Amino acid sequence: MVEAAFWEAVSRLAGEAAEERAPPPAHVSEALEALAFEALLCTPEGDAAERVARALGLLSRRRFAAVTARFLAELEARLRVDSNATRDQVAQLCRGLRFLHLPVCGPGAVACRPPTAG
């Protein structure tokens, strides 16, 4: 119950209500991202995992590159080891990033790239 309330507060801090006020300082966002990744790996499926995933998705709005880099680092570390535990962690990471906000305009954006002839 406390965990759910914490992640709900993180979501509010990083979410749409944050558009009306200044975003959290960079060091706070970094700490929350790190905590969210740790929680993704330790939290079984369910309501708590859903709240962590949503919070991480909201944090990715402002720090997409940092969240993506952390995801790739965590994924790469686990892909080198072949065990049931690491496969479960990879699945948890992937489920946790289902709310990731992809940029649609600007450098590195998904939708603004011209189609490639191929």
N, C-alpha and C. Protein backbone atom coordinates (compact mmCIF):
# COMPACT_ATOMS: atom_id res chain seq x y z
N MET A 1 0.81 -1.19 0.00
CA MET A 1 0.00 0.00 0.00
C MET A 1 0.86 1.26 0.00
N VAL A 2 1.90 1.27 0.81
CA VAL A 2 2.79 2.43 0.87
C VAL A 2 3.53 2.58 -0.46
N GLU A 3 3.94 1.45 -1.02
CA GLU A 3 4.66 1.48 -2.30
C GLU A 3 3.77 2.07 -3.40
N ALA A 4 2.52 1.67 -3.43
CA ALA A 4 1.59 2.20 -4.43
C ALA A 4 1.42 3.71 -4.27
N ALA A 5 1.31 4.17 -3.04
CA ALA A 5 1.16 5.61 -2.78
C ALA A 5 2.42 6.37 -3.20
N PHE A 6 3.59 5.78 -2.95
CA PHE A 6 4.84 6.42 -3.35
C PHE A 6 4.90 6.59 -4.87
N TRP A 7 4.61 5.52 -5.62
CA TRP A 7 4.69 5.60 -7.08
C TRP A 7 3.60 6.49 -7.66
N GLU A 8 2.48 6.58 -6.99
CA GLU A 8 1.44 7.51 -7.43
C GLU A 8 1.94 8.95 -7.26
N ALA A 9 2.64 9.22 -6.16
CA ALA A 9 3.20 10.55 -5.93
C ALA A 9 4.28 10.88 -6.96
N VAL A 10 5.11 9.89 -7.30
CA VAL A 10 6.14 10.11 -8.33
C VAL A 10 5.47 10.43 -9.66
N SER A 11 4.40 9.71 -9.98
CA SER A 11 3.69 9.96 -11.23
C SER A 11 3.13 11.38 -11.26
N ARG A 12 2.59 11.82 -10.15
CA ARG A 12 2.06 13.19 -10.10
C ARG A 12 3.17 14.22 -10.21
N LEU A 13 4.30 13.95 -9.60
CA LEU A 13 5.43 14.86 -9.67
C LEU A 13 5.95 14.99 -11.10
N ALA A 14 6.01 13.88 -11.81
CA ALA A 14 6.58 13.88 -13.15
C ALA A 14 5.53 14.00 -14.24
N GLY A 15 4.26 13.87 -13.90
CA GLY A 15 3.20 13.78 -14.90
C GLY A 15 2.68 15.09 -15.41
N GLU A 16 1.48 15.02 -15.92
CA GLU A 16 0.86 16.16 -16.58
C GLU A 16 0.71 17.35 -15.65
N ALA A 17 0.49 17.12 -14.38
CA ALA A 17 0.38 18.24 -13.44
C ALA A 17 1.70 18.99 -13.35
N ALA A 18 2.81 18.31 -13.65
CA ALA A 18 4.12 18.96 -13.61
C ALA A 18 4.29 19.97 -14.73
N GLU A 19 3.44 19.89 -15.76
CA GLU A 19 3.53 20.85 -16.87
C GLU A 19 3.23 22.26 -16.38
N GLU A 20 2.45 22.38 -15.31
CA GLU A 20 2.06 23.68 -14.79
C GLU A 20 3.13 24.28 -13.88
N ARG A 21 4.07 23.50 -13.45
CA ARG A 21 5.13 24.00 -12.57
C ARG A 21 6.47 23.52 -13.08
N ALA A 22 7.52 23.96 -12.45
CA ALA A 22 8.87 23.56 -12.87
C ALA A 22 9.07 22.06 -12.66
N PRO A 23 9.77 21.42 -13.58
CA PRO A 23 10.03 19.98 -13.40
C PRO A 23 10.95 19.75 -12.22
N PRO A 24 10.98 18.53 -11.72
CA PRO A 24 11.90 18.25 -10.61
C PRO A 24 13.34 18.50 -11.05
N PRO A 25 14.22 18.87 -10.13
CA PRO A 25 15.62 19.07 -10.49
C PRO A 25 16.22 17.79 -11.09
N ALA A 26 17.26 17.94 -11.89
CA ALA A 26 17.86 16.81 -12.59
C ALA A 26 18.29 15.70 -11.63
N HIS A 27 18.87 16.06 -10.49
CA HIS A 27 19.34 15.02 -9.57
C HIS A 27 18.18 14.24 -8.96
N VAL A 28 17.03 14.88 -8.80
CA VAL A 28 15.86 14.19 -8.28
C VAL A 28 15.32 13.24 -9.35
N SER A 29 15.24 13.72 -10.59
CA SER A 29 14.77 12.86 -11.69
C SER A 29 15.68 11.65 -11.86
N GLU A 30 16.99 11.87 -11.79
CA GLU A 30 17.95 10.76 -11.93
C GLU A 30 17.74 9.73 -10.82
N ALA A 31 17.56 10.21 -9.61
CA ALA A 31 17.36 9.29 -8.47
C ALA A 31 16.04 8.52 -8.62
N LEU A 32 14.99 9.18 -9.07
CA LEU A 32 13.71 8.50 -9.26
C LEU A 32 13.79 7.47 -10.39
N GLU A 33 14.52 7.80 -11.45
CA GLU A 33 14.70 6.84 -12.55
C GLU A 33 15.45 5.60 -12.06
N ALA A 34 16.52 5.83 -11.32
CA ALA A 34 17.30 4.70 -10.80
C ALA A 34 16.44 3.83 -9.89
N LEU A 35 15.67 4.48 -9.04
CA LEU A 35 14.79 3.74 -8.14
C LEU A 35 13.72 2.97 -8.92
N ALA A 36 13.19 3.58 -9.97
CA ALA A 36 12.17 2.92 -10.79
C ALA A 36 12.74 1.68 -11.47
N PHE A 37 13.95 1.76 -11.99
CA PHE A 37 14.56 0.58 -12.62
C PHE A 37 14.78 -0.53 -11.60
N GLU A 38 15.24 -0.17 -10.41
CA GLU A 38 15.43 -1.18 -9.38
C GLU A 38 14.09 -1.80 -8.99
N ALA A 39 13.06 -0.96 -8.90
CA ALA A 39 11.73 -1.47 -8.54
C ALA A 39 11.18 -2.38 -9.63
N LEU A 40 11.44 -2.04 -10.90
CA LEU A 40 10.98 -2.90 -11.99
C LEU A 40 11.55 -4.31 -11.86
N LEU A 41 12.80 -4.40 -11.45
CA LEU A 41 13.46 -5.70 -11.37
C LEU A 41 13.06 -6.48 -10.12
N CYS A 42 12.54 -5.80 -9.11
CA CYS A 42 12.22 -6.46 -7.85
C CYS A 42 10.72 -6.63 -7.60
N THR A 43 9.91 -5.93 -8.36
CA THR A 43 8.47 -5.95 -8.12
C THR A 43 7.81 -6.98 -9.03
N PRO A 44 7.10 -7.92 -8.45
CA PRO A 44 6.38 -8.88 -9.30
C PRO A 44 5.25 -8.18 -10.04
N GLU A 45 4.70 -8.88 -11.04
CA GLU A 45 3.60 -8.31 -11.81
C GLU A 45 2.45 -7.95 -10.88
N GLY A 46 1.69 -6.97 -11.31
CA GLY A 46 0.54 -6.55 -10.51
C GLY A 46 0.42 -5.04 -10.49
N ASP A 47 -0.37 -4.55 -9.56
CA ASP A 47 -0.65 -3.13 -9.47
C ASP A 47 0.61 -2.30 -9.19
N ALA A 48 1.47 -2.79 -8.32
CA ALA A 48 2.69 -2.03 -8.00
C ALA A 48 3.59 -1.92 -9.22
N ALA A 49 3.76 -3.00 -9.96
CA ALA A 49 4.60 -2.98 -11.16
C ALA A 49 4.01 -2.03 -12.20
N GLU A 50 2.69 -2.01 -12.29
CA GLU A 50 2.00 -1.11 -13.23
C GLU A 50 2.28 0.35 -12.87
N ARG A 51 2.22 0.68 -11.58
CA ARG A 51 2.47 2.05 -11.14
C ARG A 51 3.92 2.46 -11.38
N VAL A 52 4.84 1.54 -11.17
CA VAL A 52 6.26 1.84 -11.44
C VAL A 52 6.44 2.11 -12.93
N ALA A 53 5.85 1.27 -13.77
CA ALA A 53 5.97 1.44 -15.22
C ALA A 53 5.40 2.78 -15.67
N ARG A 54 4.25 3.14 -15.13
CA ARG A 54 3.64 4.43 -15.49
C ARG A 54 4.52 5.60 -15.04
N ALA A 55 5.07 5.51 -13.85
CA ALA A 55 5.95 6.58 -13.35
C ALA A 55 7.18 6.71 -14.22
N LEU A 56 7.77 5.58 -14.61
CA LEU A 56 8.96 5.63 -15.47
C LEU A 56 8.61 6.21 -16.83
N GLY A 57 7.44 5.88 -17.35
CA GLY A 57 7.00 6.46 -18.61
C GLY A 57 6.86 7.97 -18.52
N LEU A 58 6.32 8.45 -17.43
CA LEU A 58 6.18 9.90 -17.24
C LEU A 58 7.53 10.57 -17.07
N LEU A 59 8.44 9.91 -16.38
CA LEU A 59 9.79 10.47 -16.24
C LEU A 59 10.50 10.55 -17.59
N SER A 60 10.17 9.62 -18.49
CA SER A 60 10.84 9.59 -19.80
C SER A 60 10.43 10.77 -20.69
N ARG A 61 9.36 11.46 -20.34
CA ARG A 61 8.96 12.62 -21.15
C ARG A 61 10.04 13.67 -21.20
N ARG A 62 10.70 13.89 -20.08
CA ARG A 62 11.73 14.93 -20.00
C ARG A 62 13.14 14.37 -20.20
N ARG A 63 13.32 13.09 -19.95
CA ARG A 63 14.68 12.52 -20.00
C ARG A 63 14.67 11.20 -20.80
N PHE A 64 14.17 11.27 -22.01
CA PHE A 64 14.05 10.08 -22.84
C PHE A 64 15.40 9.43 -23.08
N ALA A 65 16.41 10.21 -23.41
CA ALA A 65 17.73 9.65 -23.71
C ALA A 65 18.32 8.93 -22.49
N ALA A 66 18.17 9.50 -21.31
CA ALA A 66 18.71 8.89 -20.10
C ALA A 66 17.99 7.59 -19.77
N VAL A 67 16.66 7.58 -19.89
CA VAL A 67 15.89 6.37 -19.60
C VAL A 67 16.23 5.28 -20.60
N THR A 68 16.33 5.65 -21.87
CA THR A 68 16.67 4.67 -22.91
C THR A 68 18.07 4.10 -22.69
N ALA A 69 19.02 4.96 -22.36
CA ALA A 69 20.39 4.49 -22.12
C ALA A 69 20.43 3.53 -20.94
N ARG A 70 19.71 3.83 -19.89
CA ARG A 70 19.68 2.95 -18.72
C ARG A 70 19.03 1.60 -19.08
N PHE A 71 17.93 1.66 -19.84
CA PHE A 71 17.27 0.43 -20.26
C PHE A 71 18.22 -0.45 -21.07
N LEU A 72 18.92 0.15 -22.03
CA LEU A 72 19.84 -0.62 -22.87
C LEU A 72 20.99 -1.20 -22.05
N ALA A 73 21.49 -0.45 -21.09
CA ALA A 73 22.57 -0.95 -20.23
C ALA A 73 22.09 -2.12 -19.38
N GLU A 74 20.90 -1.98 -18.80
CA GLU A 74 20.34 -3.08 -17.98
C GLU A 74 20.07 -4.31 -18.85
N LEU A 75 19.55 -4.09 -20.04
CA LEU A 75 19.24 -5.18 -20.94
C LEU A 75 20.52 -5.89 -21.40
N GLU A 76 21.51 -5.13 -21.78
CA GLU A 76 22.77 -5.72 -22.24
C GLU A 76 23.43 -6.57 -21.15
N ALA A 77 23.41 -6.09 -19.93
CA ALA A 77 24.01 -6.84 -18.83
C ALA A 77 23.31 -8.18 -18.62
N ARG A 78 22.01 -8.20 -18.84
CA ARG A 78 21.26 -9.44 -18.61
C ARG A 78 21.27 -10.38 -19.81
N LEU A 79 21.48 -9.87 -21.00
CA LEU A 79 21.51 -10.72 -22.18
C LEU A 79 22.80 -11.54 -22.27
N ARG A 80 23.79 -11.16 -21.52
CA ARG A 80 25.06 -11.91 -21.52
C ARG A 80 25.00 -13.17 -20.67
N VAL A 81 24.00 -13.26 -19.81
CA VAL A 81 23.86 -14.40 -18.90
C VAL A 81 22.61 -15.16 -19.31
N ASP A 82 22.75 -16.47 -19.45
CA ASP A 82 21.59 -17.28 -19.84
C ASP A 82 21.09 -18.07 -18.64
N SER A 83 20.07 -17.54 -18.01
CA SER A 83 19.44 -18.23 -16.89
C SER A 83 17.98 -17.82 -16.81
N ASN A 84 17.20 -18.59 -16.10
CA ASN A 84 15.78 -18.26 -15.95
C ASN A 84 15.59 -16.92 -15.25
N ALA A 85 16.41 -16.65 -14.25
CA ALA A 85 16.28 -15.40 -13.50
C ALA A 85 16.53 -14.19 -14.40
N THR A 86 17.56 -14.25 -15.24
CA THR A 86 17.84 -13.10 -16.11
C THR A 86 16.78 -12.97 -17.19
N ARG A 87 16.25 -14.07 -17.68
CA ARG A 87 15.16 -13.98 -18.66
C ARG A 87 13.94 -13.32 -18.04
N ASP A 88 13.65 -13.66 -16.81
CA ASP A 88 12.52 -13.02 -16.11
C ASP A 88 12.77 -11.53 -15.94
N GLN A 89 14.00 -11.15 -15.61
CA GLN A 89 14.32 -9.74 -15.44
C GLN A 89 14.21 -8.98 -16.75
N VAL A 90 14.64 -9.60 -17.86
CA VAL A 90 14.49 -8.96 -19.17
C VAL A 90 13.02 -8.73 -19.48
N ALA A 91 12.20 -9.73 -19.20
CA ALA A 91 10.76 -9.58 -19.42
C ALA A 91 10.18 -8.47 -18.54
N GLN A 92 10.61 -8.39 -17.29
CA GLN A 92 10.13 -7.33 -16.39
C GLN A 92 10.55 -5.96 -16.91
N LEU A 93 11.78 -5.83 -17.39
CA LEU A 93 12.24 -4.55 -17.94
C LEU A 93 11.39 -4.15 -19.14
N CYS A 94 11.15 -5.08 -20.03
CA CYS A 94 10.36 -4.78 -21.23
C CYS A 94 8.92 -4.40 -20.87
N ARG A 95 8.33 -5.12 -19.94
CA ARG A 95 6.97 -4.77 -19.50
C ARG A 95 6.97 -3.39 -18.83
N GLY A 96 8.03 -3.09 -18.14
CA GLY A 96 8.11 -1.82 -17.43
C GLY A 96 8.26 -0.62 -18.35
N LEU A 97 8.70 -0.84 -19.55
CA LEU A 97 8.90 0.28 -20.47
C LEU A 97 7.75 0.44 -21.46
N ARG A 98 6.64 -0.20 -21.21
CA ARG A 98 5.53 -0.10 -22.16
C ARG A 98 4.88 1.27 -22.17
N PHE A 99 5.15 2.10 -21.18
CA PHE A 99 4.59 3.46 -21.15
C PHE A 99 5.62 4.52 -21.54
N LEU A 100 6.74 4.10 -22.08
CA LEU A 100 7.80 5.02 -22.49
C LEU A 100 7.24 6.01 -23.51
N HIS A 101 7.54 7.27 -23.33
CA HIS A 101 7.08 8.31 -24.24
C HIS A 101 8.15 8.55 -25.29
N LEU A 102 7.85 8.21 -26.54
CA LEU A 102 8.79 8.40 -27.63
C LEU A 102 8.65 9.81 -28.18
N PRO A 103 9.78 10.48 -28.42
CA PRO A 103 9.69 11.82 -29.00
C PRO A 103 9.22 11.71 -30.45
N VAL A 104 8.37 12.65 -30.88
CA VAL A 104 7.87 12.61 -32.24
C VAL A 104 8.40 13.77 -33.09
N CYS A 105 9.07 14.72 -32.49
CA CYS A 105 9.71 15.82 -33.22
C CYS A 105 11.02 16.16 -32.54
N GLY A 106 11.96 16.64 -33.31
CA GLY A 106 13.24 17.01 -32.76
C GLY A 106 14.29 15.97 -33.08
N PRO A 107 15.51 16.18 -32.59
CA PRO A 107 16.60 15.24 -32.87
C PRO A 107 16.30 13.85 -32.31
N GLY A 108 16.50 12.86 -33.10
CA GLY A 108 16.28 11.48 -32.66
C GLY A 108 14.83 11.08 -32.61
N ALA A 109 13.95 11.89 -33.17
CA ALA A 109 12.53 11.61 -33.08
C ALA A 109 12.12 10.46 -33.99
N VAL A 110 11.05 9.84 -33.63
CA VAL A 110 10.56 8.70 -34.38
C VAL A 110 9.79 9.15 -35.63
N ALA A 111 8.85 10.08 -35.48
CA ALA A 111 7.95 10.43 -36.57
C ALA A 111 8.54 11.44 -37.56
N CYS A 112 9.58 12.14 -37.20
CA CYS A 112 10.10 13.19 -38.06
C CYS A 112 11.14 12.70 -39.06
N ARG A 113 11.50 11.45 -38.98
CA ARG A 113 12.51 10.93 -39.90
C ARG A 113 11.88 10.67 -41.27
N PRO A 114 12.60 11.07 -42.33
CA PRO A 114 12.06 10.80 -43.66
C PRO A 114 12.12 9.31 -43.95
N PRO A 115 11.18 8.80 -44.73
CA PRO A 115 11.22 7.38 -45.07
C PRO A 115 12.45 7.05 -45.89
N THR A 116 12.99 5.88 -45.65
CA THR A 116 14.18 5.47 -46.38
C THR A 116 13.78 4.59 -47.54
N ALA A 117 14.43 4.80 -48.66
CA ALA A 117 14.17 3.98 -49.85
C ALA A 117 14.91 2.67 -49.65
N GLY A 118 14.26 1.63 -49.96
CA GLY A 118 14.99 0.41 -49.68
C GLY A 118 14.51 -0.71 -50.44
